[in-house]
Amino acid sequence: MNLVLWRHAEAEDGVPDEARKLTARGRRQAVAMAAWLDAQLPAPRRVLVSPARRTRETAAAFAEDVIIEPAVSTAATPQGLLRAAGWPDDKGTVLVIGHQPTLGEAAALALTGHVAPWRVKKGAIWWISLDGGDPLLRAVLPPSALD
């Protein structure tokens, strides 16, 4: 299984939180990361997206066919996120577009078996795969690496 955790790109400040949209820079970040992911990620692919507007806008740069998943919302838990993604038993590639701190906590849980306060930068991805039963960190890529 390939699990890719993608934190939404840069978004405007404001309330309500669920309605915040991407900035112009955030839209550029999403397009650049989506192009990199499209070239790198193996098929089949499933895309899970938080209901928040900024995650849906980030996802739109990558795919039209996405699953809006409350288990990856701003109120998500790392355990719920991994369960929704099917980690570690799903087949193929699952791309999860969500929020901090849950994405960082889910990365720690998937890689170490314990929740820890790891940080995923805005617009960045963490690609974790299962290789012979052991989790492997394949890539950590911030959007600034694609400028």
C-alpha atoms as a PDB file:
ATOM      1  CA  MET A   1       0.000   0.000   0.000  1.00  0.00           C
ATOM      2  CA  ASN A   2       1.059   3.565  -0.701  1.00  0.00           C
ATOM      3  CA  LEU A   3      -0.283   6.180   1.702  1.00  0.00           C
ATOM      4  CA  VAL A   4       0.281   9.793   0.751  1.00  0.00           C
ATOM      5  CA  LEU A   5      -0.580  12.466   3.302  1.00  0.00           C
ATOM      6  CA  TRP A   6      -0.970  15.891   1.675  1.00  0.00           C
ATOM      7  CA  ARG A   7      -1.604  18.965   3.783  1.00  0.00           C
ATOM      8  CA  HIS A   8      -3.771  21.495   1.982  1.00  0.00           C
ATOM      9  CA  ALA A   9      -1.921  24.308   0.244  1.00  0.00           C
ATOM     10  CA  GLU A  10      -1.692  27.846   1.646  1.00  0.00           C
ATOM     11  CA  ALA A  11      -5.128  29.227   2.510  1.00  0.00           C
ATOM     12  CA  GLU A  12      -6.584  32.570   3.475  1.00  0.00           C
ATOM     13  CA  ASP A  13      -7.216  33.338   7.127  1.00  0.00           C
ATOM     14  CA  GLY A  14     -10.778  33.764   8.300  1.00  0.00           C
ATOM     15  CA  VAL A  15     -13.921  32.250   9.660  1.00  0.00           C
ATOM     16  CA  PRO A  16     -15.713  30.033   9.359  1.00  0.00           C
ATOM     17  CA  ASP A  17     -12.693  27.739   9.204  1.00  0.00           C
ATOM     18  CA  GLU A  18     -14.381  25.233   6.853  1.00  0.00           C
ATOM     19  CA  ALA A  19     -14.967  27.992   4.254  1.00  0.00           C
ATOM     20  CA  ARG A  20     -11.372  29.249   3.966  1.00  0.00           C
ATOM     21  CA  LYS A  21     -10.152  29.177   0.362  1.00  0.00           C
ATOM     22  CA  LEU A  22      -6.685  28.865  -1.156  1.00  0.00           C
ATOM     23  CA  THR A  23      -4.607  31.946  -1.798  1.00  0.00           C
ATOM     24  CA  ALA A  24      -3.144  32.546  -5.268  1.00  0.00           C
ATOM     25  CA  ARG A  25       0.138  31.115  -3.935  1.00  0.00           C
ATOM     26  CA  GLY A  26      -1.761  28.126  -2.546  1.00  0.00           C
ATOM     27  CA  ARG A  27      -3.319  27.434  -5.957  1.00  0.00           C
ATOM     28  CA  ARG A  28       0.159  27.469  -7.533  1.00  0.00           C
ATOM     29  CA  GLN A  29       1.455  25.142  -4.792  1.00  0.00           C
ATOM     30  CA  ALA A  30      -1.426  22.719  -5.371  1.00  0.00           C
ATOM     31  CA  VAL A  31      -0.884  22.630  -9.143  1.00  0.00           C
ATOM     32  CA  ALA A  32       2.870  22.032  -8.807  1.00  0.00           C
ATOM     33  CA  MET A  33       2.459  19.280  -6.214  1.00  0.00           C
ATOM     34  CA  ALA A  34      -0.364  17.667  -8.186  1.00  0.00           C
ATOM     35  CA  ALA A  35       1.876  17.467 -11.268  1.00  0.00           C
ATOM     36  CA  TRP A  36       4.657  15.847  -9.235  1.00  0.00           C
ATOM     37  CA  LEU A  37       2.248  13.374  -7.629  1.00  0.00           C
ATOM     38  CA  ASP A  38       0.656  12.483 -10.958  1.00  0.00           C
ATOM     39  CA  ALA A  39       4.076  11.630 -12.382  1.00  0.00           C
ATOM     40  CA  GLN A  40       5.175   9.610  -9.331  1.00  0.00           C
ATOM     41  CA  LEU A  41       2.240   7.785  -7.787  1.00  0.00           C
ATOM     42  CA  PRO A  42       1.357   4.303  -8.958  1.00  0.00           C
ATOM     43  CA  ALA A  43      -2.212   3.349  -9.855  1.00  0.00           C
ATOM     44  CA  PRO A  44      -4.825   2.518  -8.794  1.00  0.00           C
ATOM     45  CA  ARG A  45      -5.367   5.678  -6.777  1.00  0.00           C
ATOM     46  CA  ARG A  46      -8.052   6.683  -4.321  1.00  0.00           C
ATOM     47  CA  VAL A  47      -8.301  10.284  -3.070  1.00  0.00           C
ATOM     48  CA  LEU A  48      -9.828  11.100   0.331  1.00  0.00           C
ATOM     49  CA  VAL A  49     -10.476  14.764   1.063  1.00  0.00           C
ATOM     50  CA  SER A  50     -11.604  16.711   4.101  1.00  0.00           C
ATOM     51  CA  PRO A  51     -14.916  18.544   3.616  1.00  0.00           C
ATOM     52  CA  ALA A  52     -13.112  21.892   4.147  1.00  0.00           C
ATOM     53  CA  ARG A  53     -13.025  24.142   1.087  1.00  0.00           C
ATOM     54  CA  ARG A  54      -9.223  24.553   1.099  1.00  0.00           C
ATOM     55  CA  THR A  55      -8.683  20.785   0.913  1.00  0.00           C
ATOM     56  CA  ARG A  56     -11.243  20.377  -1.856  1.00  0.00           C
ATOM     57  CA  GLU A  57      -9.514  23.161  -3.822  1.00  0.00           C
ATOM     58  CA  THR A  58      -6.131  21.477  -3.272  1.00  0.00           C
ATOM     59  CA  ALA A  59      -7.594  18.154  -4.455  1.00  0.00           C
ATOM     60  CA  ALA A  60      -9.075  19.750  -7.589  1.00  0.00           C
ATOM     61  CA  ALA A  61      -5.552  20.335  -8.900  1.00  0.00           C
ATOM     62  CA  PHE A  62      -4.982  16.560  -8.833  1.00  0.00           C
ATOM     63  CA  ALA A  63      -8.259  14.764  -9.512  1.00  0.00           C
ATOM     64  CA  GLU A  64     -11.932  15.296 -10.199  1.00  0.00           C
ATOM     65  CA  ASP A  65     -12.990  11.976  -8.719  1.00  0.00           C
ATOM     66  CA  VAL A  66     -12.479  12.383  -4.961  1.00  0.00           C
ATOM     67  CA  ILE A  67     -14.184  11.070  -1.844  1.00  0.00           C
ATOM     68  CA  ILE A  68     -15.206  13.745   0.658  1.00  0.00           C
ATOM     69  CA  GLU A  69     -14.360  11.997   3.937  1.00  0.00           C
ATOM     70  CA  PRO A  70     -15.357  13.425   7.335  1.00  0.00           C
ATOM     71  CA  ALA A  71     -12.751  11.140   8.969  1.00  0.00           C
ATOM     72  CA  VAL A  72     -10.043  13.462   7.580  1.00  0.00           C
ATOM     73  CA  SER A  73     -11.757  16.736   8.560  1.00  0.00           C
ATOM     74  CA  THR A  74     -10.388  19.399  10.900  1.00  0.00           C
ATOM     75  CA  ALA A  75     -11.796  17.358  13.810  1.00  0.00           C
ATOM     76  CA  ALA A  76     -10.191  14.091  12.665  1.00  0.00           C
ATOM     77  CA  THR A  77      -8.084  11.780  14.782  1.00  0.00           C
ATOM     78  CA  PRO A  78      -4.957  10.063  13.450  1.00  0.00           C
ATOM     79  CA  GLN A  79      -6.524   6.662  14.139  1.00  0.00           C
ATOM     80  CA  GLY A  80      -9.717   7.593  12.263  1.00  0.00           C
ATOM     81  CA  LEU A  81      -7.749   8.991   9.337  1.00  0.00           C
ATOM     82  CA  LEU A  82      -5.663   5.816   8.971  1.00  0.00           C
ATOM     83  CA  ARG A  83      -8.773   3.657   9.311  1.00  0.00           C
ATOM     84  CA  ALA A  84     -10.548   5.646   6.554  1.00  0.00           C
ATOM     85  CA  ALA A  85      -7.479   5.290   4.325  1.00  0.00           C
ATOM     86  CA  GLY A  86      -7.404   1.537   4.889  1.00  0.00           C
ATOM     87  CA  TRP A  87      -3.905   1.605   6.371  1.00  0.00           C
ATOM     88  CA  PRO A  88      -2.140  -0.785   6.355  1.00  0.00           C
ATOM     89  CA  ASP A  89      -4.288  -3.351   4.529  1.00  0.00           C
ATOM     90  CA  ASP A  90      -5.636  -1.463   1.502  1.00  0.00           C
ATOM     91  CA  LYS A  91      -4.191  -2.117  -1.927  1.00  0.00           C
ATOM     92  CA  GLY A  92      -2.997   0.518  -4.347  1.00  0.00           C
ATOM     93  CA  THR A  93      -2.425   4.159  -3.527  1.00  0.00           C
ATOM     94  CA  VAL A  94      -4.482   6.293  -1.150  1.00  0.00           C
ATOM     95  CA  LEU A  95      -3.949  10.049  -1.188  1.00  0.00           C
ATOM     96  CA  VAL A  96      -5.357  11.833   1.871  1.00  0.00           C
ATOM     97  CA  ILE A  97      -5.712  15.615   1.723  1.00  0.00           C
ATOM     98  CA  GLY A  98      -6.251  17.026   5.184  1.00  0.00           C
ATOM     99  CA  HIS A  99      -5.033  19.160   8.052  1.00  0.00           C
ATOM    100  CA  GLN A 100      -2.476  19.609  10.800  1.00  0.00           C
ATOM    101  CA  PRO A 101      -2.036  18.354  13.459  1.00  0.00           C
ATOM    102  CA  THR A 102      -3.832  15.170  12.378  1.00  0.00           C
ATOM    103  CA  LEU A 103      -1.657  14.511   9.313  1.00  0.00           C
ATOM    104  CA  GLY A 104       1.563  14.702  11.318  1.00  0.00           C
ATOM    105  CA  GLU A 105       0.120  12.512  14.046  1.00  0.00           C
ATOM    106  CA  ALA A 106      -1.066   9.984  11.439  1.00  0.00           C
ATOM    107  CA  ALA A 107       2.395   9.918   9.840  1.00  0.00           C
ATOM    108  CA  ALA A 108       3.960   9.179  13.214  1.00  0.00           C
ATOM    109  CA  LEU A 109       1.396   6.487  13.957  1.00  0.00           C
ATOM    110  CA  ALA A 110       1.829   4.803  10.564  1.00  0.00           C
ATOM    111  CA  LEU A 111       5.623   4.828  10.779  1.00  0.00           C
ATOM    112  CA  THR A 112       6.225   4.126  14.483  1.00  0.00           C
ATOM    113  CA  GLY A 113       2.998   2.742  15.890  1.00  0.00           C
ATOM    114  CA  HIS A 114       2.694   5.732  18.242  1.00  0.00           C
ATOM    115  CA  VAL A 115       1.030   9.131  17.912  1.00  0.00           C
ATOM    116  CA  ALA A 116       3.536  11.990  18.077  1.00  0.00           C
ATOM    117  CA  PRO A 117       3.283  15.727  17.272  1.00  0.00           C
ATOM    118  CA  TRP A 118       5.065  15.608  13.891  1.00  0.00           C
ATOM    119  CA  ARG A 119       4.562  18.571  11.580  1.00  0.00           C
ATOM    120  CA  VAL A 120       3.524  18.477   7.942  1.00  0.00           C
ATOM    121  CA  LYS A 121       4.107  21.875   6.330  1.00  0.00           C
ATOM    122  CA  LYS A 122       1.353  23.591   4.324  1.00  0.00           C
ATOM    123  CA  GLY A 123       1.187  22.111   0.852  1.00  0.00           C
ATOM    124  CA  ALA A 124       3.668  19.307   1.663  1.00  0.00           C
ATOM    125  CA  ILE A 125       3.315  15.566   1.176  1.00  0.00           C
ATOM    126  CA  TRP A 126       4.553  12.585   3.165  1.00  0.00           C
ATOM    127  CA  TRP A 127       4.591   9.342   1.156  1.00  0.00           C
ATOM    128  CA  ILE A 128       4.602   6.179   3.254  1.00  0.00           C
ATOM    129  CA  SER A 129       4.522   2.701   1.772  1.00  0.00           C
ATOM    130  CA  LEU A 130       4.393  -0.781   3.139  1.00  0.00           C
ATOM    131  CA  ASP A 131       7.397  -2.789   2.030  1.00  0.00           C
ATOM    132  CA  GLY A 132       7.374  -6.403   3.157  1.00  0.00           C
ATOM    133  CA  GLY A 133       5.308  -5.556   6.202  1.00  0.00           C
ATOM    134  CA  ASP A 134       7.507  -2.696   7.405  1.00  0.00           C
ATOM    135  CA  PRO A 135       6.450   0.930   6.797  1.00  0.00           C
ATOM    136  CA  LEU A 136       8.869   2.893   4.631  1.00  0.00           C
ATOM    137  CA  LEU A 137       9.036   6.677   4.305  1.00  0.00           C
ATOM    138  CA  ARG A 138       9.466   7.107   0.546  1.00  0.00           C
ATOM    139  CA  ALA A 139       9.310  10.900   0.299  1.00  0.00           C
ATOM    140  CA  VAL A 140       8.732  14.094   2.231  1.00  0.00           C
ATOM    141  CA  LEU A 141       8.313  16.992  -0.143  1.00  0.00           C
ATOM    142  CA  PRO A 142       7.417  20.603   0.669  1.00  0.00           C
ATOM    143  CA  PRO A 143       5.999  22.773  -2.111  1.00  0.00           C
ATOM    144  CA  SER A 144       9.118  24.983  -1.992  1.00  0.00           C
ATOM    145  CA  ALA A 145      11.124  22.054  -3.434  1.00  0.00           C
ATOM    146  CA  LEU A 146       9.076  22.364  -6.637  1.00  0.00           C
ATOM    147  CA  ASP A 147       9.627  26.107  -7.210  1.00  0.00           C
END
